[in-house]
Amino acid sequence: MYAVVRTGNKQYRVEEGAVIDVEKLPQAAGDQFDLTDVLMVGDGDKTVIGQPTVDGAKVTVTVVEQWRSKRIIVFRYRQRTKYRSKRGHRQHYTRLHVDAIKA
């Protein structure tokens, strides 16, 4: 069984037991909660597509950890004008473990 959920304005295809990384959520490590924004649920030959979400469907997840990605360097340069700009960025993520899918 699998589901397509939306969190952080992105969509993820999840299965039971999978671990996914999503944009930072306010929960702490070890917290368990439900993702109710389920767009599609599939089980073998049977597929239910929501309009826009599937009624009564939810995905139960547990927060594994909060982490930050590797640093990305943003370097801007204009030739012959002495313009250089260097900035770094580290995105915050939440790692989720999918416990159950209920349709």
N, C-alpha and C. Protein backbone atom coordinates (compact mmCIF):
# COMPACT_ATOMS: atom_id res chain seq x y z
N MET A 1 0.84 -1.17 0.00
CA MET A 1 0.00 0.00 0.00
C MET A 1 0.89 1.24 0.00
N TYR A 2 0.50 2.27 -0.78
CA TYR A 2 1.26 3.50 -0.83
C TYR A 2 0.30 4.68 -0.83
N ALA A 3 0.85 5.86 -0.56
CA ALA A 3 0.05 7.09 -0.57
C ALA A 3 0.92 8.23 -1.07
N VAL A 4 0.25 9.25 -1.59
CA VAL A 4 0.92 10.48 -1.98
C VAL A 4 0.43 11.56 -1.02
N VAL A 5 1.37 12.14 -0.26
CA VAL A 5 1.01 13.15 0.73
C VAL A 5 1.67 14.48 0.35
N ARG A 6 1.06 15.56 0.86
CA ARG A 6 1.61 16.89 0.61
C ARG A 6 1.98 17.52 1.94
N THR A 7 3.22 17.96 2.05
CA THR A 7 3.69 18.70 3.22
C THR A 7 4.80 19.64 2.77
N GLY A 8 4.80 20.84 3.31
CA GLY A 8 5.81 21.81 2.91
C GLY A 8 5.66 22.22 1.47
N ASN A 9 4.43 22.15 0.93
CA ASN A 9 4.11 22.52 -0.45
C ASN A 9 4.80 21.62 -1.47
N LYS A 10 5.19 20.41 -1.05
CA LYS A 10 5.75 19.41 -1.95
C LYS A 10 5.01 18.10 -1.76
N GLN A 11 5.06 17.24 -2.76
CA GLN A 11 4.36 15.96 -2.70
C GLN A 11 5.37 14.83 -2.59
N TYR A 12 5.02 13.83 -1.77
CA TYR A 12 5.90 12.69 -1.54
C TYR A 12 5.11 11.40 -1.67
N ARG A 13 5.70 10.40 -2.34
CA ARG A 13 5.10 9.07 -2.42
C ARG A 13 5.69 8.26 -1.27
N VAL A 14 4.82 7.76 -0.38
CA VAL A 14 5.30 7.06 0.81
C VAL A 14 4.69 5.67 0.89
N GLU A 15 5.41 4.78 1.53
CA GLU A 15 4.95 3.43 1.84
C GLU A 15 5.20 3.19 3.31
N GLU A 16 4.53 2.19 3.88
CA GLU A 16 4.75 1.87 5.29
C GLU A 16 6.18 1.42 5.51
N GLY A 17 6.82 1.96 6.54
CA GLY A 17 8.20 1.62 6.85
C GLY A 17 9.23 2.50 6.17
N ALA A 18 8.81 3.40 5.28
CA ALA A 18 9.74 4.26 4.56
C ALA A 18 10.17 5.43 5.44
N VAL A 19 11.34 5.98 5.13
CA VAL A 19 11.85 7.16 5.80
C VAL A 19 12.00 8.26 4.76
N ILE A 20 11.39 9.44 5.01
CA ILE A 20 11.44 10.54 4.05
C ILE A 20 11.96 11.79 4.75
N ASP A 21 12.56 12.68 3.97
CA ASP A 21 13.04 13.96 4.46
C ASP A 21 12.14 15.05 3.88
N VAL A 22 11.53 15.84 4.74
CA VAL A 22 10.64 16.92 4.32
C VAL A 22 11.17 18.23 4.90
N GLU A 23 10.63 19.35 4.40
CA GLU A 23 11.02 20.63 4.96
C GLU A 23 10.64 20.68 6.43
N LYS A 24 11.33 21.51 7.18
CA LYS A 24 11.22 21.50 8.64
C LYS A 24 9.78 21.64 9.13
N LEU A 25 9.42 20.75 10.08
CA LEU A 25 8.13 20.77 10.74
C LEU A 25 8.35 21.11 12.22
N PRO A 26 7.34 21.67 12.90
CA PRO A 26 7.54 22.14 14.28
C PRO A 26 7.60 21.05 15.34
N GLN A 27 7.40 19.79 15.00
CA GLN A 27 7.42 18.71 15.99
C GLN A 27 8.85 18.38 16.41
N ALA A 28 8.97 17.82 17.61
CA ALA A 28 10.28 17.42 18.14
C ALA A 28 10.55 15.95 17.81
N ALA A 29 11.80 15.55 17.96
CA ALA A 29 12.18 14.16 17.69
C ALA A 29 11.43 13.23 18.63
N GLY A 30 10.88 12.14 18.08
CA GLY A 30 10.12 11.17 18.86
C GLY A 30 8.62 11.41 18.84
N ASP A 31 8.18 12.56 18.38
CA ASP A 31 6.74 12.85 18.32
C ASP A 31 6.08 12.05 17.21
N GLN A 32 4.85 11.63 17.46
CA GLN A 32 4.06 10.91 16.45
C GLN A 32 2.85 11.76 16.13
N PHE A 33 2.55 11.91 14.82
CA PHE A 33 1.40 12.71 14.40
C PHE A 33 0.89 12.19 13.06
N ASP A 34 -0.22 12.74 12.60
CA ASP A 34 -0.86 12.31 11.36
C ASP A 34 -0.71 13.37 10.29
N LEU A 35 -0.42 12.93 9.08
CA LEU A 35 -0.48 13.79 7.90
C LEU A 35 -1.84 13.55 7.26
N THR A 36 -2.68 14.56 7.25
CA THR A 36 -4.05 14.40 6.75
C THR A 36 -4.21 14.91 5.32
N ASP A 37 -3.19 15.52 4.77
CA ASP A 37 -3.25 16.04 3.41
C ASP A 37 -2.84 14.95 2.43
N VAL A 38 -3.67 13.90 2.31
CA VAL A 38 -3.38 12.73 1.47
C VAL A 38 -4.06 12.94 0.12
N LEU A 39 -3.27 12.97 -0.96
CA LEU A 39 -3.79 13.24 -2.29
C LEU A 39 -4.21 11.99 -3.04
N MET A 40 -3.56 10.84 -2.74
CA MET A 40 -3.86 9.61 -3.45
C MET A 40 -3.47 8.43 -2.58
N VAL A 41 -4.25 7.36 -2.67
CA VAL A 41 -3.94 6.12 -1.97
C VAL A 41 -4.05 4.98 -2.97
N GLY A 42 -3.03 4.12 -3.01
CA GLY A 42 -3.04 2.99 -3.92
C GLY A 42 -2.74 1.69 -3.19
N ASP A 43 -3.45 0.64 -3.59
CA ASP A 43 -3.24 -0.68 -2.99
C ASP A 43 -3.45 -1.72 -4.08
N GLY A 44 -2.35 -2.14 -4.70
CA GLY A 44 -2.46 -3.13 -5.79
C GLY A 44 -3.18 -2.54 -6.98
N ASP A 45 -4.32 -3.15 -7.34
CA ASP A 45 -5.10 -2.69 -8.49
C ASP A 45 -6.01 -1.52 -8.13
N LYS A 46 -6.27 -1.33 -6.86
CA LYS A 46 -7.23 -0.32 -6.41
C LYS A 46 -6.51 1.00 -6.10
N THR A 47 -6.94 2.08 -6.75
CA THR A 47 -6.36 3.40 -6.54
C THR A 47 -7.48 4.40 -6.29
N VAL A 48 -7.30 5.22 -5.24
CA VAL A 48 -8.28 6.26 -4.93
C VAL A 48 -7.57 7.60 -5.05
N ILE A 49 -8.10 8.46 -5.92
CA ILE A 49 -7.53 9.79 -6.14
C ILE A 49 -8.46 10.81 -5.51
N GLY A 50 -7.91 11.71 -4.72
CA GLY A 50 -8.71 12.70 -4.01
C GLY A 50 -9.10 13.87 -4.87
N GLN A 51 -10.13 14.58 -4.41
CA GLN A 51 -10.62 15.76 -5.11
C GLN A 51 -10.71 16.94 -4.16
N PRO A 52 -9.72 17.58 -3.66
CA PRO A 52 -8.29 17.41 -3.89
C PRO A 52 -7.64 16.40 -2.94
N THR A 53 -8.30 16.07 -1.79
CA THR A 53 -7.71 15.09 -0.88
C THR A 53 -8.66 13.91 -0.72
N VAL A 54 -8.13 12.78 -0.27
CA VAL A 54 -8.94 11.59 -0.04
C VAL A 54 -9.61 11.73 1.33
N ASP A 55 -10.94 11.60 1.36
CA ASP A 55 -11.69 11.75 2.61
C ASP A 55 -11.37 10.61 3.57
N GLY A 56 -11.05 10.97 4.83
CA GLY A 56 -10.81 9.98 5.87
C GLY A 56 -9.45 9.31 5.82
N ALA A 57 -8.62 9.66 4.86
CA ALA A 57 -7.30 9.03 4.76
C ALA A 57 -6.29 9.82 5.59
N LYS A 58 -5.38 9.09 6.22
CA LYS A 58 -4.30 9.75 6.96
C LYS A 58 -3.09 8.84 7.00
N VAL A 59 -1.95 9.47 7.14
CA VAL A 59 -0.69 8.76 7.22
C VAL A 59 -0.07 9.08 8.57
N THR A 60 0.17 8.06 9.37
CA THR A 60 0.77 8.25 10.69
C THR A 60 2.28 8.17 10.57
N VAL A 61 2.96 9.21 11.07
CA VAL A 61 4.41 9.29 10.97
C VAL A 61 5.02 9.60 12.33
N THR A 62 6.30 9.25 12.47
CA THR A 62 7.07 9.56 13.67
C THR A 62 8.29 10.36 13.26
N VAL A 63 8.59 11.42 14.01
CA VAL A 63 9.75 12.26 13.72
C VAL A 63 11.00 11.53 14.22
N VAL A 64 11.93 11.26 13.30
CA VAL A 64 13.18 10.60 13.65
C VAL A 64 14.18 11.62 14.15
N GLU A 65 14.36 12.71 13.38
CA GLU A 65 15.31 13.75 13.78
C GLU A 65 15.06 15.02 13.00
N GLN A 66 15.59 16.12 13.54
CA GLN A 66 15.64 17.39 12.84
C GLN A 66 17.10 17.58 12.41
N TRP A 67 17.35 17.95 11.16
CA TRP A 67 18.72 18.10 10.70
C TRP A 67 18.83 19.19 9.65
N ARG A 68 20.07 19.54 9.35
CA ARG A 68 20.35 20.56 8.35
C ARG A 68 21.19 19.96 7.24
N SER A 69 20.94 20.41 6.02
CA SER A 69 21.66 19.86 4.87
C SER A 69 23.08 20.42 4.80
N LYS A 70 23.82 19.91 3.86
CA LYS A 70 25.17 20.38 3.60
C LYS A 70 25.12 21.83 3.11
N ARG A 71 26.14 22.59 3.42
CA ARG A 71 26.17 24.00 3.03
C ARG A 71 26.24 24.16 1.52
N ILE A 72 25.44 25.08 1.00
CA ILE A 72 25.44 25.43 -0.41
C ILE A 72 26.00 26.83 -0.52
N ILE A 73 26.99 27.03 -1.38
CA ILE A 73 27.60 28.34 -1.58
C ILE A 73 26.92 29.01 -2.77
N VAL A 74 26.43 30.23 -2.56
CA VAL A 74 25.83 31.03 -3.64
C VAL A 74 26.81 32.15 -3.94
N PHE A 75 27.45 32.08 -5.10
CA PHE A 75 28.46 33.06 -5.48
C PHE A 75 27.99 33.79 -6.72
N ARG A 76 27.89 35.13 -6.61
CA ARG A 76 27.49 35.96 -7.74
C ARG A 76 28.67 36.83 -8.15
N TYR A 77 28.83 37.00 -9.46
CA TYR A 77 30.00 37.67 -9.98
C TYR A 77 29.64 38.40 -11.26
N ARG A 78 30.08 39.66 -11.36
CA ARG A 78 29.94 40.42 -12.60
C ARG A 78 31.34 40.82 -13.05
N GLN A 79 31.66 40.45 -14.25
CA GLN A 79 33.01 40.72 -14.71
C GLN A 79 33.24 42.22 -14.96
N ARG A 80 34.47 42.66 -14.73
CA ARG A 80 34.95 44.02 -14.96
C ARG A 80 34.21 45.09 -14.16
N THR A 81 33.48 44.72 -13.10
CA THR A 81 32.78 45.74 -12.31
C THR A 81 33.12 45.66 -10.83
N LYS A 82 34.03 44.80 -10.45
CA LYS A 82 34.42 44.59 -9.05
C LYS A 82 33.23 44.18 -8.19
N TYR A 83 32.31 43.43 -8.75
CA TYR A 83 31.15 42.97 -7.98
C TYR A 83 31.28 41.48 -7.70
N ARG A 84 31.35 41.13 -6.42
CA ARG A 84 31.38 39.74 -6.00
C ARG A 84 30.52 39.63 -4.75
N SER A 85 29.71 38.59 -4.70
CA SER A 85 28.87 38.36 -3.53
C SER A 85 28.91 36.87 -3.22
N LYS A 86 29.25 36.54 -1.98
CA LYS A 86 29.34 35.13 -1.60
C LYS A 86 28.50 34.92 -0.35
N ARG A 87 27.53 34.00 -0.44
CA ARG A 87 26.68 33.67 0.68
C ARG A 87 26.53 32.17 0.78
N GLY A 88 26.27 31.70 1.97
CA GLY A 88 26.04 30.28 2.18
C GLY A 88 24.61 30.05 2.65
N HIS A 89 24.13 28.82 2.47
CA HIS A 89 22.78 28.46 2.91
C HIS A 89 22.76 27.00 3.33
N ARG A 90 22.07 26.73 4.46
CA ARG A 90 21.84 25.36 4.91
C ARG A 90 20.36 25.20 5.17
N GLN A 91 19.72 24.31 4.43
CA GLN A 91 18.28 24.09 4.56
C GLN A 91 17.99 23.20 5.76
N HIS A 92 16.92 23.52 6.50
CA HIS A 92 16.47 22.71 7.63
C HIS A 92 15.52 21.62 7.13
N TYR A 93 15.69 20.41 7.63
CA TYR A 93 14.85 19.28 7.24
C TYR A 93 14.35 18.52 8.46
N THR A 94 13.28 17.78 8.27
CA THR A 94 12.76 16.87 9.29
C THR A 94 12.71 15.48 8.66
N ARG A 95 13.27 14.49 9.33
CA ARG A 95 13.26 13.12 8.85
C ARG A 95 12.09 12.39 9.50
N LEU A 96 11.21 11.81 8.67
CA LEU A 96 9.99 11.15 9.14
C LEU A 96 10.04 9.66 8.81
N HIS A 97 9.52 8.86 9.74
CA HIS A 97 9.34 7.42 9.52
C HIS A 97 7.85 7.17 9.39
N VAL A 98 7.44 6.54 8.28
CA VAL A 98 6.01 6.28 8.03
C VAL A 98 5.61 5.02 8.78
N ASP A 99 4.69 5.16 9.74
CA ASP A 99 4.25 4.02 10.56
C ASP A 99 3.07 3.29 9.93
N ALA A 100 2.06 4.03 9.49
CA ALA A 100 0.84 3.39 8.97
C ALA A 100 0.15 4.30 7.98
N ILE A 101 -0.56 3.66 7.04
CA ILE A 101 -1.39 4.38 6.09
C ILE A 101 -2.81 3.88 6.28
N LYS A 102 -3.74 4.79 6.59
CA LYS A 102 -5.14 4.42 6.79
C LYS A 102 -5.99 5.11 5.75
N ALA A 103 -6.76 4.34 5.00
CA ALA A 103 -7.60 4.93 3.95
C ALA A 103 -9.07 4.79 4.29
